All heavy atoms as atom14 arrays in JSON, in Angstrom:
{
  "sequence": "VTFGHVVLGRSLADLNCTRAHELVHVRQYERWGPFFIPA",
  "atom14_mask": [
    [1, 1, 1, 1, 1, 1, 1, 0, 0, 0, 0, 0, 0, 0],
    [1, 1, 1, 1, 1, 1, 1, 0, 0, 0, 0, 0, 0, 0],
    [1, 1, 1, 1, 1, 1, 1, 1, 1, 1, 1, 0, 0, 0],
    [1, 1, 1, 1, 0, 0, 0, 0, 0, 0, 0, 0, 0, 0],
    [1, 1, 1, 1, 1, 1, 1, 1, 1, 1, 0, 0, 0, 0],
    [1, 1, 1, 1, 1, 1, 1, 0, 0, 0, 0, 0, 0, 0],
    [1, 1, 1, 1, 1, 1, 1, 0, 0, 0, 0, 0, 0, 0],
    [1, 1, 1, 1, 1, 1, 1, 1, 0, 0, 0, 0, 0, 0],
    [1, 1, 1, 1, 0, 0, 0, 0, 0, 0, 0, 0, 0, 0],
    [1, 1, 1, 1, 1, 1, 1, 1, 1, 1, 1, 0, 0, 0],
    [1, 1, 1, 1, 1, 1, 0, 0, 0, 0, 0, 0, 0, 0],
    [1, 1, 1, 1, 1, 1, 1, 1, 0, 0, 0, 0, 0, 0],
    [1, 1, 1, 1, 1, 0, 0, 0, 0, 0, 0, 0, 0, 0],
    [1, 1, 1, 1, 1, 1, 1, 1, 0, 0, 0, 0, 0, 0],
    [1, 1, 1, 1, 1, 1, 1, 1, 0, 0, 0, 0, 0, 0],
    [1, 1, 1, 1, 1, 1, 1, 1, 0, 0, 0, 0, 0, 0],
    [1, 1, 1, 1, 1, 1, 0, 0, 0, 0, 0, 0, 0, 0],
    [1, 1, 1, 1, 1, 1, 1, 0, 0, 0, 0, 0, 0, 0],
    [1, 1, 1, 1, 1, 1, 1, 1, 1, 1, 1, 0, 0, 0],
    [1, 1, 1, 1, 1, 0, 0, 0, 0, 0, 0, 0, 0, 0],
    [1, 1, 1, 1, 1, 1, 1, 1, 1, 1, 0, 0, 0, 0],
    [1, 1, 1, 1, 1, 1, 1, 1, 1, 0, 0, 0, 0, 0],
    [1, 1, 1, 1, 1, 1, 1, 1, 0, 0, 0, 0, 0, 0],
    [1, 1, 1, 1, 1, 1, 1, 0, 0, 0, 0, 0, 0, 0],
    [1, 1, 1, 1, 1, 1, 1, 1, 1, 1, 0, 0, 0, 0],
    [1, 1, 1, 1, 1, 1, 1, 0, 0, 0, 0, 0, 0, 0],
    [1, 1, 1, 1, 1, 1, 1, 1, 1, 1, 1, 0, 0, 0],
    [1, 1, 1, 1, 1, 1, 1, 1, 1, 0, 0, 0, 0, 0],
    [1, 1, 1, 1, 1, 1, 1, 1, 1, 1, 1, 1, 0, 0],
    [1, 1, 1, 1, 1, 1, 1, 1, 1, 0, 0, 0, 0, 0],
    [1, 1, 1, 1, 1, 1, 1, 1, 1, 1, 1, 0, 0, 0],
    [1, 1, 1, 1, 1, 1, 1, 1, 1, 1, 1, 1, 1, 1],
    [1, 1, 1, 1, 0, 0, 0, 0, 0, 0, 0, 0, 0, 0],
    [1, 1, 1, 1, 1, 1, 1, 0, 0, 0, 0, 0, 0, 0],
    [1, 1, 1, 1, 1, 1, 1, 1, 1, 1, 1, 0, 0, 0],
    [1, 1, 1, 1, 1, 1, 1, 1, 1, 1, 1, 0, 0, 0],
    [1, 1, 1, 1, 1, 1, 1, 1, 0, 0, 0, 0, 0, 0],
    [1, 1, 1, 1, 1, 1, 1, 0, 0, 0, 0, 0, 0, 0],
    [1, 1, 1, 1, 1, 0, 0, 0, 0, 0, 0, 0, 0, 0]
  ],
  "atom14_positions": [
    [[94.71, 97.47, 90.9], [95.07, 98.79, 90.37], [96.34, 98.61, 89.55], [97.18, 97.77, 89.86], [95.27, 99.83, 91.51], [96.42, 99.45, 92.42], [95.43, 101.23, 90.96], [0.0, 0.0, 0.0], [0.0, 0.0, 0.0], [0.0, 0.0, 0.0], [0.0, 0.0, 0.0], [0.0, 0.0, 0.0], [0.0, 0.0, 0.0], [0.0, 0.0, 0.0]],
    [[96.44, 99.41, 88.49], [97.58, 99.31, 87.58], [98.48, 100.53, 87.71], [97.98, 101.66, 87.77], [97.08, 99.19, 86.13], [96.28, 98.02, 86.01], [98.23, 99.12, 85.14], [0.0, 0.0, 0.0], [0.0, 0.0, 0.0], [0.0, 0.0, 0.0], [0.0, 0.0, 0.0], [0.0, 0.0, 0.0], [0.0, 0.0, 0.0], [0.0, 0.0, 0.0]],
    [[99.79, 100.29, 87.74], [100.79, 101.34, 87.68], [101.79, 100.94, 86.59], [102.65, 100.09, 86.83], [101.5, 101.51, 89.02], [100.62, 102.04, 90.11], [100.16, 101.2, 91.11], [100.24, 103.37, 90.13], [99.34, 101.68, 92.12], [99.41, 103.86, 91.14], [98.96, 103.02, 92.13], [0.0, 0.0, 0.0], [0.0, 0.0, 0.0], [0.0, 0.0, 0.0]],
    [[101.66, 101.52, 85.42], [102.55, 101.16, 84.32], [102.4, 99.71, 83.94], [101.32, 99.26, 83.57], [0.0, 0.0, 0.0], [0.0, 0.0, 0.0], [0.0, 0.0, 0.0], [0.0, 0.0, 0.0], [0.0, 0.0, 0.0], [0.0, 0.0, 0.0], [0.0, 0.0, 0.0], [0.0, 0.0, 0.0], [0.0, 0.0, 0.0], [0.0, 0.0, 0.0]],
    [[103.48, 98.96, 84.05], [103.45, 97.53, 83.74], [103.4, 96.67, 85.0], [103.85, 95.53, 85.01], [104.67, 97.16, 82.88], [104.57, 97.69, 81.49], [105.01, 98.94, 81.13], [104.02, 97.16, 80.38], [104.76, 99.15, 79.86], [104.16, 98.08, 79.37], [0.0, 0.0, 0.0], [0.0, 0.0, 0.0], [0.0, 0.0, 0.0], [0.0, 0.0, 0.0]],
    [[102.84, 97.23, 86.05], [102.67, 96.52, 87.32], [101.19, 96.59, 87.7], [100.58, 97.66, 87.67], [103.52, 97.14, 88.45], [103.22, 96.5, 89.79], [105.0, 97.02, 88.12], [0.0, 0.0, 0.0], [0.0, 0.0, 0.0], [0.0, 0.0, 0.0], [0.0, 0.0, 0.0], [0.0, 0.0, 0.0], [0.0, 0.0, 0.0], [0.0, 0.0, 0.0]],
    [[100.63, 95.45, 88.06], [99.25, 95.39, 88.55], [99.3, 94.87, 89.98], [99.91, 93.84, 90.25], [98.35, 94.49, 87.68], [96.94, 94.43, 88.24], [98.33, 94.99, 86.23], [0.0, 0.0, 0.0], [0.0, 0.0, 0.0], [0.0, 0.0, 0.0], [0.0, 0.0, 0.0], [0.0, 0.0, 0.0], [0.0, 0.0, 0.0], [0.0, 0.0, 0.0]],
    [[98.66, 95.61, 90.88], [98.57, 95.22, 92.29], [97.16, 94.74, 92.54], [96.2, 95.44, 92.22], [98.87, 96.42, 93.19], [100.18, 97.18, 92.92], [100.24, 98.42, 93.79], [101.37, 96.28, 93.16], [0.0, 0.0, 0.0], [0.0, 0.0, 0.0], [0.0, 0.0, 0.0], [0.0, 0.0, 0.0], [0.0, 0.0, 0.0], [0.0, 0.0, 0.0]],
    [[97.02, 93.54, 93.1], [95.7, 92.99, 93.37], [95.59, 92.5, 94.79], [96.59, 92.17, 95.43], [0.0, 0.0, 0.0], [0.0, 0.0, 0.0], [0.0, 0.0, 0.0], [0.0, 0.0, 0.0], [0.0, 0.0, 0.0], [0.0, 0.0, 0.0], [0.0, 0.0, 0.0], [0.0, 0.0, 0.0], [0.0, 0.0, 0.0], [0.0, 0.0, 0.0]],
    [[94.34, 92.44, 95.28], [94.13, 91.93, 96.64], [94.52, 90.47, 96.75], [95.08, 90.03, 97.74], [92.67, 92.11, 97.05], [92.26, 93.54, 97.24], [90.87, 93.66, 97.77], [89.93, 92.95, 96.9], [88.66, 93.26, 96.75], [88.14, 94.26, 97.44], [87.89, 92.59, 95.94], [0.0, 0.0, 0.0], [0.0, 0.0, 0.0], [0.0, 0.0, 0.0]],
    [[94.21, 89.7, 95.71], [94.49, 88.26, 95.73], [94.75, 87.79, 94.3], [94.46, 88.51, 93.34], [93.29, 87.5, 96.31], [92.19, 87.59, 95.42], [0.0, 0.0, 0.0], [0.0, 0.0, 0.0], [0.0, 0.0, 0.0], [0.0, 0.0, 0.0], [0.0, 0.0, 0.0], [0.0, 0.0, 0.0], [0.0, 0.0, 0.0], [0.0, 0.0, 0.0]],
    [[95.26, 86.58, 94.17], [95.46, 86.01, 92.84], [94.12, 85.85, 92.12], [94.03, 86.11, 90.92], [96.2, 84.67, 92.95], [96.53, 83.99, 91.62], [97.36, 84.9, 90.72], [97.26, 82.67, 91.87], [0.0, 0.0, 0.0], [0.0, 0.0, 0.0], [0.0, 0.0, 0.0], [0.0, 0.0, 0.0], [0.0, 0.0, 0.0], [0.0, 0.0, 0.0]],
    [[93.1, 85.47, 92.86], [91.76, 85.34, 92.25], [91.27, 86.68, 91.7], [90.71, 86.74, 90.6], [90.76, 84.78, 93.27], [0.0, 0.0, 0.0], [0.0, 0.0, 0.0], [0.0, 0.0, 0.0], [0.0, 0.0, 0.0], [0.0, 0.0, 0.0], [0.0, 0.0, 0.0], [0.0, 0.0, 0.0], [0.0, 0.0, 0.0], [0.0, 0.0, 0.0]],
    [[91.5, 87.76, 92.46], [91.11, 89.09, 91.97], [91.89, 89.46, 90.72], [91.34, 90.03, 89.77], [91.32, 90.15, 93.05], [90.28, 90.09, 94.15], [89.1, 89.83, 93.83], [90.64, 90.31, 95.32], [0.0, 0.0, 0.0], [0.0, 0.0, 0.0], [0.0, 0.0, 0.0], [0.0, 0.0, 0.0], [0.0, 0.0, 0.0], [0.0, 0.0, 0.0]],
    [[93.18, 89.15, 90.7], [93.98, 89.44, 89.5], [93.47, 88.66, 88.3], [93.38, 89.21, 87.2], [95.45, 89.12, 89.76], [96.18, 90.09, 90.69], [97.53, 89.53, 91.1], [96.35, 91.45, 90.03], [0.0, 0.0, 0.0], [0.0, 0.0, 0.0], [0.0, 0.0, 0.0], [0.0, 0.0, 0.0], [0.0, 0.0, 0.0], [0.0, 0.0, 0.0]],
    [[93.12, 87.4, 88.51], [92.59, 86.6, 87.4], [91.29, 87.18, 86.86], [91.06, 87.18, 85.66], [92.38, 85.15, 87.85], [93.7, 84.42, 88.07], [94.72, 84.76, 87.49], [93.67, 83.42, 88.93], [0.0, 0.0, 0.0], [0.0, 0.0, 0.0], [0.0, 0.0, 0.0], [0.0, 0.0, 0.0], [0.0, 0.0, 0.0], [0.0, 0.0, 0.0]],
    [[90.44, 87.68, 87.76], [89.14, 88.24, 87.34], [89.27, 89.59, 86.66], [88.45, 89.93, 85.81], [88.22, 88.38, 88.55], [87.64, 86.83, 89.21], [0.0, 0.0, 0.0], [0.0, 0.0, 0.0], [0.0, 0.0, 0.0], [0.0, 0.0, 0.0], [0.0, 0.0, 0.0], [0.0, 0.0, 0.0], [0.0, 0.0, 0.0], [0.0, 0.0, 0.0]],
    [[90.27, 90.37, 87.04], [90.38, 91.75, 86.54], [91.46, 91.92, 85.47], [91.64, 93.02, 84.96], [90.7, 92.72, 87.7], [91.96, 92.37, 88.28], [89.61, 92.71, 88.76], [0.0, 0.0, 0.0], [0.0, 0.0, 0.0], [0.0, 0.0, 0.0], [0.0, 0.0, 0.0], [0.0, 0.0, 0.0], [0.0, 0.0, 0.0], [0.0, 0.0, 0.0]],
    [[92.14, 90.84, 85.11], [93.3, 90.95, 84.23], [93.0, 91.66, 82.91], [93.74, 92.56, 82.49], [93.9, 89.57, 83.95], [95.22, 89.65, 83.18], [95.95, 88.32, 83.17], [96.46, 88.03, 84.51], [96.11, 86.97, 85.23], [95.26, 86.08, 84.74], [96.61, 86.78, 86.44], [0.0, 0.0, 0.0], [0.0, 0.0, 0.0], [0.0, 0.0, 0.0]],
    [[91.94, 91.32, 82.23], [91.63, 91.94, 80.94], [91.41, 93.45, 81.11], [91.89, 94.26, 80.31], [90.41, 91.29, 80.3], [0.0, 0.0, 0.0], [0.0, 0.0, 0.0], [0.0, 0.0, 0.0], [0.0, 0.0, 0.0], [0.0, 0.0, 0.0], [0.0, 0.0, 0.0], [0.0, 0.0, 0.0], [0.0, 0.0, 0.0], [0.0, 0.0, 0.0]],
    [[90.69, 93.83, 82.16], [90.43, 95.25, 82.45], [91.75, 95.98, 82.75], [92.01, 97.06, 82.21], [89.48, 95.34, 83.65], [89.2, 96.73, 84.11], [88.09, 97.43, 83.7], [89.87, 97.56, 84.95], [88.1, 98.63, 84.26], [89.17, 98.73, 85.03], [0.0, 0.0, 0.0], [0.0, 0.0, 0.0], [0.0, 0.0, 0.0], [0.0, 0.0, 0.0]],
    [[92.59, 95.38, 83.58], [93.84, 96.03, 83.95], [94.81, 96.12, 82.78], [95.58, 97.08, 82.68], [94.48, 95.31, 85.15], [93.64, 95.31, 86.41], [93.19, 96.68, 86.9], [93.95, 97.66, 86.74], [92.07, 96.79, 87.43], [0.0, 0.0, 0.0], [0.0, 0.0, 0.0], [0.0, 0.0, 0.0], [0.0, 0.0, 0.0], [0.0, 0.0, 0.0]],
    [[94.74, 95.17, 81.85], [95.6, 95.24, 80.67], [95.22, 96.41, 79.77], [96.08, 96.97, 79.08], [95.57, 93.93, 79.89], [96.32, 92.77, 80.55], [96.13, 91.49, 79.74], [97.79, 93.09, 80.73], [0.0, 0.0, 0.0], [0.0, 0.0, 0.0], [0.0, 0.0, 0.0], [0.0, 0.0, 0.0], [0.0, 0.0, 0.0], [0.0, 0.0, 0.0]],
    [[93.96, 96.82, 79.79], [93.57, 98.04, 79.07], [94.28, 99.23, 79.71], [94.79, 100.11, 79.0], [92.04, 98.24, 79.06], [91.66, 99.57, 78.43], [91.35, 97.09, 78.34], [0.0, 0.0, 0.0], [0.0, 0.0, 0.0], [0.0, 0.0, 0.0], [0.0, 0.0, 0.0], [0.0, 0.0, 0.0], [0.0, 0.0, 0.0], [0.0, 0.0, 0.0]],
    [[94.34, 99.26, 81.03], [95.06, 100.34, 81.71], [96.56, 100.31, 81.39], [97.18, 101.36, 81.25], [94.84, 100.29, 83.22], [93.45, 100.62, 83.64], [92.76, 101.72, 83.18], [92.59, 100.0, 84.51], [91.56, 101.76, 83.72], [91.44, 100.72, 84.54], [0.0, 0.0, 0.0], [0.0, 0.0, 0.0], [0.0, 0.0, 0.0], [0.0, 0.0, 0.0]],
    [[97.14, 99.12, 81.25], [98.55, 99.02, 80.85], [98.73, 99.71, 79.5], [99.65, 100.5, 79.31], [99.03, 97.55, 80.81], [100.4, 97.45, 80.15], [99.06, 96.94, 82.2], [0.0, 0.0, 0.0], [0.0, 0.0, 0.0], [0.0, 0.0, 0.0], [0.0, 0.0, 0.0], [0.0, 0.0, 0.0], [0.0, 0.0, 0.0], [0.0, 0.0, 0.0]],
    [[97.84, 99.43, 78.55], [97.93, 100.06, 77.23], [97.73, 101.58, 77.33], [98.36, 102.35, 76.6], [96.93, 99.43, 76.27], [97.3, 98.0, 75.89], [96.47, 97.46, 74.75], [95.06, 97.4, 75.02], [94.42, 96.39, 75.62], [95.13, 95.34, 76.04], [93.12, 96.42, 75.79], [0.0, 0.0, 0.0], [0.0, 0.0, 0.0], [0.0, 0.0, 0.0]],
    [[96.85, 102.01, 78.26], [96.67, 103.45, 78.47], [97.97, 104.09, 78.98], [98.35, 105.17, 78.53], [95.52, 103.71, 79.44], [94.17, 103.37, 78.87], [93.07, 103.39, 79.92], [93.31, 103.31, 81.12], [91.82, 103.49, 79.46], [0.0, 0.0, 0.0], [0.0, 0.0, 0.0], [0.0, 0.0, 0.0], [0.0, 0.0, 0.0], [0.0, 0.0, 0.0]],
    [[98.64, 103.42, 79.9], [99.94, 103.91, 80.38], [100.94, 103.98, 79.23], [101.76, 104.89, 79.16], [100.51, 103.0, 81.47], [100.14, 103.39, 82.87], [99.08, 102.79, 83.52], [100.87, 104.35, 83.56], [98.74, 103.12, 84.82], [100.55, 104.69, 84.87], [99.48, 104.08, 85.49], [99.16, 104.42, 86.78], [0.0, 0.0, 0.0], [0.0, 0.0, 0.0]],
    [[100.9, 103.01, 78.33], [101.83, 103.02, 77.2], [101.55, 104.2, 76.28], [102.46, 104.68, 75.61], [101.74, 101.7, 76.44], [102.33, 100.53, 77.21], [102.2, 99.2, 76.51], [101.44, 99.1, 75.51], [102.85, 98.24, 76.96], [0.0, 0.0, 0.0], [0.0, 0.0, 0.0], [0.0, 0.0, 0.0], [0.0, 0.0, 0.0], [0.0, 0.0, 0.0]],
    [[100.3, 104.64, 76.21], [99.96, 105.82, 75.4], [100.27, 107.12, 76.12], [100.79, 108.06, 75.53], [98.47, 105.79, 75.04], [98.2, 105.07, 73.76], [96.73, 105.15, 73.38], [96.24, 103.78, 73.39], [95.29, 103.31, 74.16], [94.63, 104.09, 74.96], [94.95, 102.05, 74.12], [0.0, 0.0, 0.0], [0.0, 0.0, 0.0], [0.0, 0.0, 0.0]],
    [[99.88, 107.21, 77.39], [99.95, 108.46, 78.15], [101.27, 108.63, 78.9], [101.62, 109.74, 79.29], [98.79, 108.53, 79.14], [97.49, 108.81, 78.48], [96.68, 107.91, 77.84], [96.84, 110.07, 78.39], [95.57, 108.54, 77.36], [95.63, 109.87, 77.69], [97.15, 111.34, 78.83], [94.75, 110.89, 77.42], [96.27, 112.37, 78.58], [95.08, 112.14, 77.87]],
    [[101.97, 107.55, 79.16], [103.25, 107.61, 79.87], [103.14, 108.31, 81.2], [102.21, 108.06, 81.98], [0.0, 0.0, 0.0], [0.0, 0.0, 0.0], [0.0, 0.0, 0.0], [0.0, 0.0, 0.0], [0.0, 0.0, 0.0], [0.0, 0.0, 0.0], [0.0, 0.0, 0.0], [0.0, 0.0, 0.0], [0.0, 0.0, 0.0], [0.0, 0.0, 0.0]],
    [[104.06, 109.24, 81.48], [104.08, 109.9, 82.79], [102.87, 110.82, 83.02], [102.65, 111.28, 84.13], [105.38, 110.71, 82.78], [105.72, 110.88, 81.34], [105.17, 109.68, 80.62], [0.0, 0.0, 0.0], [0.0, 0.0, 0.0], [0.0, 0.0, 0.0], [0.0, 0.0, 0.0], [0.0, 0.0, 0.0], [0.0, 0.0, 0.0], [0.0, 0.0, 0.0]],
    [[102.08, 111.05, 81.97], [100.91, 111.91, 82.11], [99.65, 111.12, 82.51], [98.61, 111.72, 82.75], [100.66, 112.66, 80.8], [101.83, 113.5, 80.39], [102.64, 113.11, 79.35], [102.15, 114.67, 81.08], [103.75, 113.86, 78.97], [103.25, 115.43, 80.72], [104.05, 115.02, 79.66], [0.0, 0.0, 0.0], [0.0, 0.0, 0.0], [0.0, 0.0, 0.0]],
    [[99.74, 109.79, 82.56], [98.55, 109.0, 82.85], [97.97, 109.31, 84.23], [96.78, 109.6, 84.36], [98.82, 107.49, 82.73], [97.6, 106.68, 83.06], [96.61, 106.48, 82.13], [97.42, 106.14, 84.33], [95.46, 105.75, 82.43], [96.29, 105.41, 84.65], [95.3, 105.22, 83.69], [0.0, 0.0, 0.0], [0.0, 0.0, 0.0], [0.0, 0.0, 0.0]],
    [[98.8, 109.24, 85.26], [98.28, 109.45, 86.62], [97.71, 110.86, 86.77], [96.56, 111.01, 87.24], [99.33, 109.12, 87.7], [99.63, 107.62, 87.7], [98.87, 109.59, 89.08], [100.77, 107.2, 88.6], [0.0, 0.0, 0.0], [0.0, 0.0, 0.0], [0.0, 0.0, 0.0], [0.0, 0.0, 0.0], [0.0, 0.0, 0.0], [0.0, 0.0, 0.0]],
    [[98.41, 111.92, 86.35], [97.79, 113.26, 86.45], [96.51, 113.38, 85.64], [95.53, 113.98, 86.1], [98.87, 114.2, 85.92], [100.15, 113.46, 86.05], [99.81, 112.01, 85.92], [0.0, 0.0, 0.0], [0.0, 0.0, 0.0], [0.0, 0.0, 0.0], [0.0, 0.0, 0.0], [0.0, 0.0, 0.0], [0.0, 0.0, 0.0], [0.0, 0.0, 0.0]],
    [[96.48, 112.8, 84.43], [95.27, 112.89, 83.6], [94.11, 112.14, 84.25], [92.98, 112.63, 84.29], [95.55, 112.33, 82.2], [0.0, 0.0, 0.0], [0.0, 0.0, 0.0], [0.0, 0.0, 0.0], [0.0, 0.0, 0.0], [0.0, 0.0, 0.0], [0.0, 0.0, 0.0], [0.0, 0.0, 0.0], [0.0, 0.0, 0.0], [0.0, 0.0, 0.0]]
  ]
}
């Protein structure tokens, strides 16, 4: 799961597998800022 510029993963392997997907969420946070979580 992504929170701003922080990604929390169950394991390093999970982070490696989901990194590209989670980086899209990082960019979404950069667009939406504090409104991302409510949106």
